[in-house]
Amino acid sequence: MDSPVSFSSLPPELVAKICSDTALDAKDLMALRLTSKVQGIHTSATKVFAERYFTDILLLWNKYSLETFVQISQHPIFGPSIRKIQLSCARYEENDFGESVQELIAQGHARCEFMQKIQLLSQRCDHDHEQFDPDRVNDLLDQAFGLLALSHNSFTLAASANEENSLGRSKVLGPQMGSKGWWADPYAALEYLLLAADRSSLKIQKIEIDVEADSSCELDGHSFVSNQWEDLEPLRSIEELTIDLWVTPALNIYEHDFGMVQSLLTLAVNLKTLHIRSNIFSNEHLDFGLLAEPVSRLPLEELHLTSLEMDRKIMTDMLKSLGPRLRRLKLSNCEISGSWQQILLCIQQHALQLDILQISGTRRLWMGKFKLYQGAERVRRGVARLLKVREDVLQDLDLYPQPEPQSDIED
């Protein structure tokens, strides 16, 4: 009777396939990494582990998280697997500790859970003390970015209030946005990353400003991006940008957040893909008019607008400017002041290279809830069909389109 084949005696290709099985979780891969390095099991498991858990690095604003980031960047397999670096923009004001304790008491937690949260909040105050030492933050980022730059890979930089799966997340209390003491400063966090990338010559392809936080969260920091941004090579070289805009009752978004976004769009002169959206917890739509001009000057191939409000003329003027280059256009849950007919006609006449058109969440019954056309010919036919449906609906209602020039009366 033949003796059973041991795992370590399998061909390297089969070992690699087994290690890449999606049924294996982090504990399984860590166990495989402890097996003999001679048979290549350790190497195969380490590569898969790196691809699953170190492609995106989420950093907290403290010494432990940033020092761990340096160690990962030094690793011969983990470091080269990194493609995205996200820095938390959530901050806690330790002077509000007493009021935060009262909030936790009011929430009625069991004693053990309450004590655990108090301990984690206390550790947050201790850990986040590093935010007052910008030189140390810069030093750690420079060390990590310098190592990553050696790979010649392109990276995504992100500032986010979401700390799930961040390095050191279990050691501190996570953000309680909307509660006393918590606030966010996404542009300050992004500035640290951009300056470090510039100093290390790290190649940046994409930037994300992700502020999916409760609309009652306070936004703080720069009213406009600082003068240091003007000479940053990473901004001039990025090709993709995703921006969340906050709707905050206590914040004048037009002077604050929009000013920062306008500056950012003016400096990122080589953008090919742009996604601007208002935060997902808001029932309001943000006026896109203040951003349309800098967007119109960009060499965009893809534009995605979500939960924004825009005037028909502003939208058509922008599409005329972008039309010759635009390949993909997605409008999701946007409010149009004026005629959708004019926007569709503008797409038909000027966006001749468009091969993806997606429109969803409009309040026009004749447009339906969701439209997606893929392929240049299907886009042209789809737009023509929508215009025909609109005409038929108006005729059925004994309403006839008014001749140009048309006012901003909705269809």
Protein backbone atom coordinates (compact mmCIF):
# COMPACT_ATOMS: atom_id res chain seq x y z
CA MET A 1 0.00 0.00 0.00
CA ASP A 2 1.40 3.38 -1.00
CA SER A 3 2.21 5.77 1.81
CA PRO A 4 0.20 9.05 1.83
CA VAL A 5 1.74 12.01 0.06
CA SER A 6 2.85 14.76 2.43
CA PHE A 7 1.90 18.38 1.81
CA SER A 8 5.55 19.42 1.70
CA SER A 9 6.29 16.96 -1.11
CA LEU A 10 3.75 18.48 -3.51
CA PRO A 11 4.98 20.39 -6.61
CA PRO A 12 5.46 24.15 -6.01
CA GLU A 13 2.67 25.01 -8.48
CA LEU A 14 0.16 22.90 -6.54
CA VAL A 15 1.32 24.32 -3.21
CA ALA A 16 0.81 27.85 -4.55
CA LYS A 17 -2.69 26.93 -5.78
CA ILE A 18 -3.64 25.45 -2.41
CA CYS A 19 -2.36 28.51 -0.55
CA SER A 20 -4.40 30.82 -2.80
CA ASP A 21 -7.66 29.01 -2.01
CA THR A 22 -10.18 31.64 -0.89
CA ALA A 23 -11.49 29.24 1.78
CA LEU A 24 -8.30 29.80 3.77
CA ASP A 25 -8.61 32.60 6.31
CA ALA A 26 -5.90 34.68 7.96
CA LYS A 27 -5.26 32.09 10.69
CA ASP A 28 -4.86 29.31 8.12
CA LEU A 29 -2.36 31.33 6.10
CA MET A 30 -0.42 32.28 9.21
CA ALA A 31 -0.21 28.59 10.17
CA LEU A 32 1.07 27.69 6.70
CA ARG A 33 3.70 30.44 6.95
CA LEU A 34 5.13 28.65 10.00
CA THR A 35 5.85 25.49 7.98
CA SER A 36 9.20 24.71 6.48
CA LYS A 37 10.69 27.34 4.17
CA VAL A 38 12.60 24.67 2.27
CA GLN A 39 9.56 23.29 0.47
CA GLY A 40 8.31 26.77 -0.50
CA ILE A 41 5.10 26.52 1.53
CA HIS A 42 6.13 29.47 3.68
CA THR A 43 6.85 31.62 0.62
CA SER A 44 3.59 30.74 -1.16
CA ALA A 45 1.48 31.38 1.96
CA THR A 46 3.31 34.65 2.65
CA LYS A 47 2.67 35.95 -0.88
CA VAL A 48 -1.05 35.16 -0.65
CA PHE A 49 -1.21 36.65 2.86
CA ALA A 50 0.41 39.84 1.59
CA GLU A 51 -1.97 40.13 -1.38
CA ARG A 52 -5.03 39.72 0.85
CA TYR A 53 -4.09 41.76 3.88
CA PHE A 54 -1.38 44.25 2.91
CA THR A 55 -2.53 45.64 -0.43
CA ASP A 56 -4.40 48.41 1.42
CA ILE A 57 -2.68 49.88 4.47
CA LEU A 58 -4.95 51.84 6.83
CA LEU A 59 -3.08 54.04 9.28
CA LEU A 60 -4.11 55.68 12.51
CA TRP A 61 -2.68 59.01 13.58
CA ASN A 62 -0.33 57.60 16.21
CA LYS A 63 3.17 56.31 16.78
CA TYR A 64 2.30 52.60 16.98
CA SER A 65 0.41 52.55 13.67
CA LEU A 66 3.05 54.53 11.77
CA GLU A 67 5.96 52.51 13.19
CA THR A 68 4.18 49.29 12.18
CA PHE A 69 3.75 50.76 8.70
CA VAL A 70 7.53 51.25 8.48
CA GLN A 71 8.11 47.63 9.51
CA ILE A 72 5.66 46.33 6.89
CA SER A 73 7.32 48.49 4.22
CA GLN A 74 10.68 46.95 5.12
CA HIS A 75 9.40 43.39 4.61
CA PRO A 76 10.60 41.87 1.31
CA ILE A 77 7.14 40.49 0.44
CA PHE A 78 4.65 42.58 2.42
CA GLY A 79 6.17 45.91 1.35
CA PRO A 80 6.01 45.36 -2.45
CA SER A 81 2.35 44.24 -2.08
CA ILE A 82 1.19 47.65 -0.84
CA ARG A 83 -0.82 49.70 -3.35
CA LYS A 84 -2.95 52.00 -1.18
CA ILE A 85 -2.05 54.07 1.89
CA GLN A 86 -4.94 55.53 3.87
CA LEU A 87 -4.47 57.85 6.84
CA SER A 88 -7.32 58.40 9.30
CA CYS A 89 -8.56 61.97 9.45
CA ALA A 90 -10.64 61.32 12.59
CA ARG A 91 -9.43 63.22 15.65
CA TYR A 92 -10.41 63.32 19.31
CA GLU A 93 -10.08 66.34 21.61
CA GLU A 94 -8.89 64.92 24.94
CA ASN A 95 -10.23 67.96 26.82
CA ASP A 96 -13.72 66.56 26.17
CA PHE A 97 -12.92 63.26 27.93
CA GLY A 98 -15.28 63.96 30.83
CA GLU A 99 -18.25 64.70 28.55
CA SER A 100 -17.47 61.58 26.49
CA VAL A 101 -17.63 59.50 29.66
CA GLN A 102 -21.05 60.97 30.44
CA GLU A 103 -22.25 60.07 26.94
CA LEU A 104 -21.06 56.48 27.40
CA ILE A 105 -22.87 56.30 30.75
CA ALA A 106 -26.07 57.57 29.13
CA GLN A 107 -25.86 54.81 26.51
CA GLY A 108 -26.46 52.20 29.24
CA HIS A 109 -23.58 49.79 28.49
CA ALA A 110 -22.96 46.85 30.77
CA ARG A 111 -20.20 47.57 33.30
CA CYS A 112 -17.55 45.43 31.59
CA GLU A 113 -18.29 46.96 28.16
CA PHE A 114 -18.37 50.47 29.65
CA MET A 115 -14.98 49.99 31.35
CA GLN A 116 -13.51 48.60 28.14
CA LYS A 117 -14.65 51.65 26.16
CA ILE A 118 -13.28 54.02 28.79
CA GLN A 119 -9.93 52.24 28.66
CA LEU A 120 -9.84 52.37 24.84
CA LEU A 121 -10.79 56.06 24.89
CA SER A 122 -8.03 56.77 27.39
CA GLN A 123 -5.56 54.92 25.17
CA ARG A 124 -6.80 56.95 22.22
CA CYS A 125 -5.86 60.13 24.05
CA ASP A 126 -2.42 58.72 24.85
CA HIS A 127 -1.77 57.37 21.34
CA ASP A 128 -3.06 60.43 19.51
CA HIS A 129 -0.69 62.65 21.45
CA GLU A 130 1.68 61.97 18.52
CA GLN A 131 -0.43 64.31 16.37
CA PHE A 132 1.20 67.19 18.18
CA ASP A 133 4.61 66.12 16.89
CA PRO A 134 4.45 66.66 13.12
CA ASP A 135 8.20 66.11 12.74
CA ARG A 136 7.87 62.56 14.08
CA VAL A 137 4.90 61.85 11.81
CA ASN A 138 6.86 63.13 8.81
CA ASP A 139 9.90 61.08 9.75
CA LEU A 140 7.96 57.81 9.93
CA LEU A 141 6.09 58.49 6.70
CA ASP A 142 9.35 59.38 4.96
CA GLN A 143 10.93 56.11 6.07
CA ALA A 144 8.01 54.02 4.78
CA PHE A 145 7.47 55.98 1.55
CA GLY A 146 11.19 55.90 0.77
CA LEU A 147 11.12 52.09 0.94
CA LEU A 148 7.94 51.82 -1.13
CA ALA A 149 9.32 54.15 -3.79
CA LEU A 150 12.03 51.58 -4.56
CA SER A 151 9.34 49.28 -6.04
CA HIS A 152 8.48 51.87 -8.73
CA ASN A 153 4.80 50.93 -8.28
CA SER A 154 1.98 53.48 -8.48
CA PHE A 155 -0.05 54.10 -5.34
CA THR A 156 -3.35 55.46 -4.07
CA LEU A 157 -3.34 57.97 -1.22
CA ALA A 158 -6.49 58.32 0.87
CA ALA A 159 -7.77 60.35 3.81
CA SER A 160 -10.75 58.79 5.56
CA ALA A 161 -12.74 58.86 8.80
CA ASN A 162 -13.26 55.11 8.50
CA GLU A 163 -10.78 53.31 10.77
CA GLU A 164 -12.00 49.73 10.36
CA ASN A 165 -9.08 47.31 9.86
CA SER A 166 -6.53 50.05 10.60
CA LEU A 167 -3.15 49.12 12.06
CA GLY A 168 -3.54 49.29 15.84
CA ARG A 169 -7.32 49.66 15.69
CA SER A 170 -7.86 47.23 18.59
CA LYS A 171 -5.73 49.38 20.90
CA VAL A 172 -7.88 52.54 20.78
CA LEU A 173 -11.53 53.55 20.65
CA GLY A 174 -12.76 54.09 17.10
CA PRO A 175 -14.36 57.36 15.96
CA GLN A 176 -17.78 58.17 17.38
CA MET A 177 -18.63 60.85 14.83
CA GLY A 178 -21.39 63.14 15.99
CA SER A 179 -20.38 62.69 19.64
CA LYS A 180 -18.68 65.32 21.76
CA GLY A 181 -14.96 65.66 21.13
CA TRP A 182 -14.80 63.98 17.72
CA TRP A 183 -13.97 65.86 14.53
CA ALA A 184 -12.19 65.28 11.25
CA ASP A 185 -9.62 67.04 9.08
CA PRO A 186 -9.28 65.13 5.79
CA TYR A 187 -7.21 67.77 4.00
CA ALA A 188 -4.61 67.99 6.77
CA ALA A 189 -4.26 64.18 6.70
CA LEU A 190 -3.96 64.21 2.92
CA GLU A 191 -1.33 66.96 3.10
CA TYR A 192 0.93 64.81 5.29
CA LEU A 193 0.68 61.97 2.75
CA LEU A 194 1.23 64.21 -0.28
CA LEU A 195 4.26 65.96 1.19
CA ALA A 196 5.83 62.63 2.16
CA ALA A 197 5.15 61.25 -1.33
CA ASP A 198 6.74 64.32 -2.88
CA ARG A 199 9.85 64.09 -0.69
CA SER A 200 10.31 60.39 -1.49
CA SER A 201 9.34 60.60 -5.21
CA LEU A 202 6.60 58.03 -4.60
CA LYS A 203 4.45 57.61 -7.71
CA ILE A 204 0.81 58.51 -7.02
CA GLN A 205 -1.92 57.53 -9.46
CA LYS A 206 -5.06 58.14 -7.40
CA ILE A 207 -6.28 60.23 -4.45
CA GLU A 208 -9.38 59.50 -2.36
CA ILE A 209 -11.01 61.84 0.14
CA ASP A 210 -13.48 59.55 1.87
CA VAL A 211 -15.56 61.17 4.59
CA GLU A 212 -18.49 58.78 4.98
CA ALA A 213 -19.35 60.17 8.38
CA ASP A 214 -22.54 61.32 10.04
CA SER A 215 -23.55 64.75 8.78
CA SER A 216 -23.39 66.09 12.34
CA CYS A 217 -19.64 65.45 12.48
CA GLU A 218 -17.50 68.55 12.76
CA LEU A 219 -15.08 69.28 9.95
CA ASP A 220 -12.01 71.25 10.85
CA GLY A 221 -8.64 72.20 9.47
CA HIS A 222 -7.57 74.13 6.39
CA SER A 223 -10.05 76.52 4.81
CA PHE A 224 -8.09 76.13 1.62
CA VAL A 225 -5.24 73.85 0.68
CA SER A 226 -1.94 75.35 1.77
CA ASN A 227 0.60 76.99 -0.51
CA GLN A 228 2.79 73.92 -0.11
CA TRP A 229 0.49 72.02 -2.47
CA GLU A 230 1.23 74.21 -5.47
CA ASP A 231 4.62 72.64 -6.23
CA LEU A 232 3.74 69.04 -5.39
CA GLU A 233 4.57 66.63 -8.19
CA PRO A 234 2.11 63.94 -6.92
CA LEU A 235 -0.80 66.34 -7.52
CA ARG A 236 0.27 67.12 -11.06
CA SER A 237 0.71 63.45 -11.88
CA ILE A 238 -2.46 61.86 -10.45
CA GLU A 239 -4.96 60.56 -12.99
CA GLU A 240 -7.86 59.63 -10.69
CA LEU A 241 -9.59 61.54 -7.89
CA THR A 242 -12.55 60.61 -5.69
CA ILE A 243 -13.94 63.31 -3.37
CA ASP A 244 -16.67 63.14 -0.75
CA LEU A 245 -18.25 66.49 0.09
CA TRP A 246 -19.76 66.94 3.53
CA VAL A 247 -23.14 68.42 4.31
CA THR A 248 -22.76 69.75 7.84
CA PRO A 249 -25.40 72.02 9.40
CA ALA A 250 -22.80 74.04 11.32
CA LEU A 251 -20.46 74.40 8.35
CA ASN A 252 -20.57 76.83 5.44
CA ILE A 253 -19.63 74.33 2.75
CA TYR A 254 -19.31 76.99 0.06
CA GLU A 255 -16.49 78.81 1.84
CA HIS A 256 -14.82 75.78 3.37
CA ASP A 257 -15.06 72.41 1.67
CA PHE A 258 -15.78 73.74 -1.82
CA GLY A 259 -12.84 76.13 -1.59
CA MET A 260 -10.52 73.22 -0.86
CA VAL A 261 -11.94 71.12 -3.67
CA GLN A 262 -11.66 74.00 -6.13
CA SER A 263 -8.00 74.41 -5.25
CA LEU A 264 -7.39 70.69 -5.55
CA LEU A 265 -9.06 70.47 -8.97
CA THR A 266 -7.05 73.45 -10.18
CA LEU A 267 -3.76 71.79 -9.19
CA ALA A 268 -4.53 68.26 -10.41
CA VAL A 269 -4.15 69.21 -14.07
CA ASN A 270 -3.78 65.69 -15.52
CA LEU A 271 -6.91 64.03 -14.12
CA LYS A 272 -8.50 61.39 -16.34
CA THR A 273 -11.13 60.11 -13.86
CA LEU A 274 -13.13 62.18 -11.39
CA HIS A 275 -15.86 61.15 -8.95
CA ILE A 276 -17.50 63.83 -6.80
CA ARG A 277 -20.25 62.89 -4.39
CA SER A 278 -21.97 64.36 -1.35
CA ASN A 279 -21.81 62.24 1.78
CA ILE A 280 -24.19 59.30 1.84
CA PHE A 281 -26.01 60.31 5.03
CA SER A 282 -27.29 63.59 3.61
CA ASN A 283 -30.78 64.09 2.23
CA GLU A 284 -29.65 67.31 0.58
CA HIS A 285 -27.98 67.87 -2.76
CA LEU A 286 -24.91 70.05 -3.10
CA ASP A 287 -24.67 72.78 -5.71
CA PHE A 288 -22.16 71.62 -8.32
CA GLY A 289 -21.99 75.03 -10.00
CA LEU A 290 -19.03 76.19 -7.90
CA LEU A 291 -16.93 73.27 -9.13
CA ALA A 292 -18.01 73.10 -12.77
CA GLU A 293 -15.47 75.62 -14.05
CA PRO A 294 -12.29 73.86 -12.80
CA VAL A 295 -13.77 70.50 -13.85
CA SER A 296 -14.37 71.83 -17.38
CA ARG A 297 -10.66 72.53 -17.81
CA LEU A 298 -9.56 68.98 -16.95
CA PRO A 299 -8.62 66.35 -19.58
CA LEU A 300 -11.27 63.97 -18.20
CA GLU A 301 -12.15 60.66 -19.79
CA GLU A 302 -14.53 59.61 -17.00
CA LEU A 303 -16.83 61.75 -14.84
CA HIS A 304 -19.10 60.41 -12.10
CA LEU A 305 -21.33 62.81 -10.13
CA THR A 306 -23.39 61.55 -7.17
CA SER A 307 -26.05 63.37 -5.11
CA LEU A 308 -25.27 66.78 -6.55
CA GLU A 309 -27.48 69.63 -7.73
CA MET A 310 -26.75 71.48 -10.94
CA ASP A 311 -28.25 73.99 -13.30
CA ARG A 312 -28.98 72.73 -16.80
CA LYS A 313 -26.88 75.43 -18.48
CA ILE A 314 -23.89 74.81 -16.20
CA MET A 315 -24.09 71.12 -16.98
CA THR A 316 -24.38 71.56 -20.74
CA ASP A 317 -21.54 74.09 -20.83
CA MET A 318 -19.34 71.66 -18.95
CA LEU A 319 -20.26 68.77 -21.24
CA LYS A 320 -19.42 70.86 -24.29
CA SER A 321 -15.94 71.47 -22.87
CA LEU A 322 -15.39 67.84 -21.86
CA GLY A 323 -17.19 66.29 -24.83
CA PRO A 324 -14.27 65.61 -27.23
CA ARG A 325 -12.39 63.55 -24.60
CA LEU A 326 -15.14 62.12 -22.38
CA ARG A 327 -15.55 58.35 -22.63
CA ARG A 328 -17.59 57.47 -19.53
CA LEU A 329 -20.31 59.56 -17.84
CA LYS A 330 -22.26 58.51 -14.75
CA LEU A 331 -24.90 60.70 -13.08
CA SER A 332 -26.36 59.19 -9.90
CA ASN A 333 -29.17 60.75 -7.82
CA CYS A 334 -28.46 64.22 -9.18
CA GLU A 335 -30.96 67.07 -9.22
CA ILE A 336 -31.20 69.06 -12.45
CA SER A 337 -32.67 72.54 -12.40
CA GLY A 338 -33.97 72.83 -15.93
CA SER A 339 -34.49 70.51 -18.85
CA TRP A 340 -32.96 67.05 -19.05
CA GLN A 341 -33.73 67.21 -22.75
CA GLN A 342 -31.01 69.83 -23.26
CA ILE A 343 -28.49 67.70 -21.39
CA LEU A 344 -29.30 64.67 -23.54
CA LEU A 345 -29.06 66.76 -26.71
CA CYS A 346 -25.70 68.07 -25.55
CA ILE A 347 -24.47 64.52 -25.00
CA GLN A 348 -25.76 63.56 -28.42
CA GLN A 349 -24.04 66.47 -30.15
CA HIS A 350 -20.78 66.89 -28.23
CA ALA A 351 -19.86 63.70 -26.34
CA LEU A 352 -19.14 61.76 -29.50
CA GLN A 353 -16.53 59.46 -27.89
CA LEU A 354 -18.84 58.36 -25.07
CA ASP A 355 -18.93 54.57 -24.72
CA ILE A 356 -20.54 54.32 -21.24
CA LEU A 357 -23.52 56.38 -20.11
CA GLN A 358 -25.24 55.68 -16.81
CA ILE A 359 -28.09 57.79 -15.42
CA SER A 360 -29.91 56.79 -12.23
CA GLY A 361 -32.12 58.27 -9.54
CA THR A 362 -33.75 61.03 -11.60
CA ARG A 363 -37.25 62.29 -10.82
CA ARG A 364 -38.34 62.20 -14.46
CA LEU A 365 -40.79 59.36 -14.99
CA TRP A 366 -40.00 59.19 -18.70
CA MET A 367 -36.33 58.46 -17.91
CA GLY A 368 -36.96 55.58 -15.51
CA LYS A 369 -34.95 54.76 -12.40
CA PHE A 370 -31.83 53.40 -14.05
CA LYS A 371 -30.32 53.62 -17.51
CA LEU A 372 -27.01 52.08 -18.55
CA TYR A 373 -25.70 52.06 -22.11
CA GLN A 374 -22.37 50.44 -22.97
CA GLY A 375 -20.67 50.83 -26.31
CA ALA A 376 -20.61 53.96 -28.46
CA GLU A 377 -23.42 52.83 -30.75
CA ARG A 378 -25.65 51.78 -27.84
CA VAL A 379 -25.04 55.12 -26.13
CA ARG A 380 -26.17 56.98 -29.26
CA ARG A 381 -29.22 54.79 -29.70
CA GLY A 382 -30.07 55.00 -25.99
CA VAL A 383 -29.96 58.80 -25.93
CA ALA A 384 -32.06 59.00 -29.09
CA ARG A 385 -34.57 56.58 -27.57
CA LEU A 386 -34.83 58.64 -24.36
CA LEU A 387 -35.48 61.81 -26.36
CA LYS A 388 -38.16 59.99 -28.35
CA VAL A 389 -39.80 58.67 -25.16
CA ARG A 390 -39.87 62.20 -23.75
CA GLU A 391 -41.50 63.53 -26.92
CA ASP A 392 -44.12 60.77 -26.89
CA VAL A 393 -44.94 61.38 -23.22
CA LEU A 394 -45.37 65.10 -23.81
CA GLN A 395 -47.61 64.48 -26.81
CA ASP A 396 -49.74 62.07 -24.77
CA LEU A 397 -50.18 64.82 -22.19
CA ASP A 398 -50.93 67.39 -24.91
CA LEU A 399 -47.74 69.22 -23.96
CA TYR A 400 -45.32 70.30 -26.64
CA PRO A 401 -41.68 71.28 -26.27
CA GLN A 402 -41.03 75.00 -26.40
CA PRO A 403 -38.66 76.31 -29.09
CA GLU A 404 -35.19 77.54 -28.16
CA PRO A 405 -34.19 79.47 -26.22
CA GLN A 406 -35.72 77.32 -23.53
CA SER A 407 -36.25 78.51 -19.97
CA ASP A 408 -35.25 76.54 -16.89
CA ILE A 409 -38.69 74.96 -16.51
CA GLU A 410 -38.36 71.29 -15.63
CA ASP A 411 -39.67 68.65 -17.99
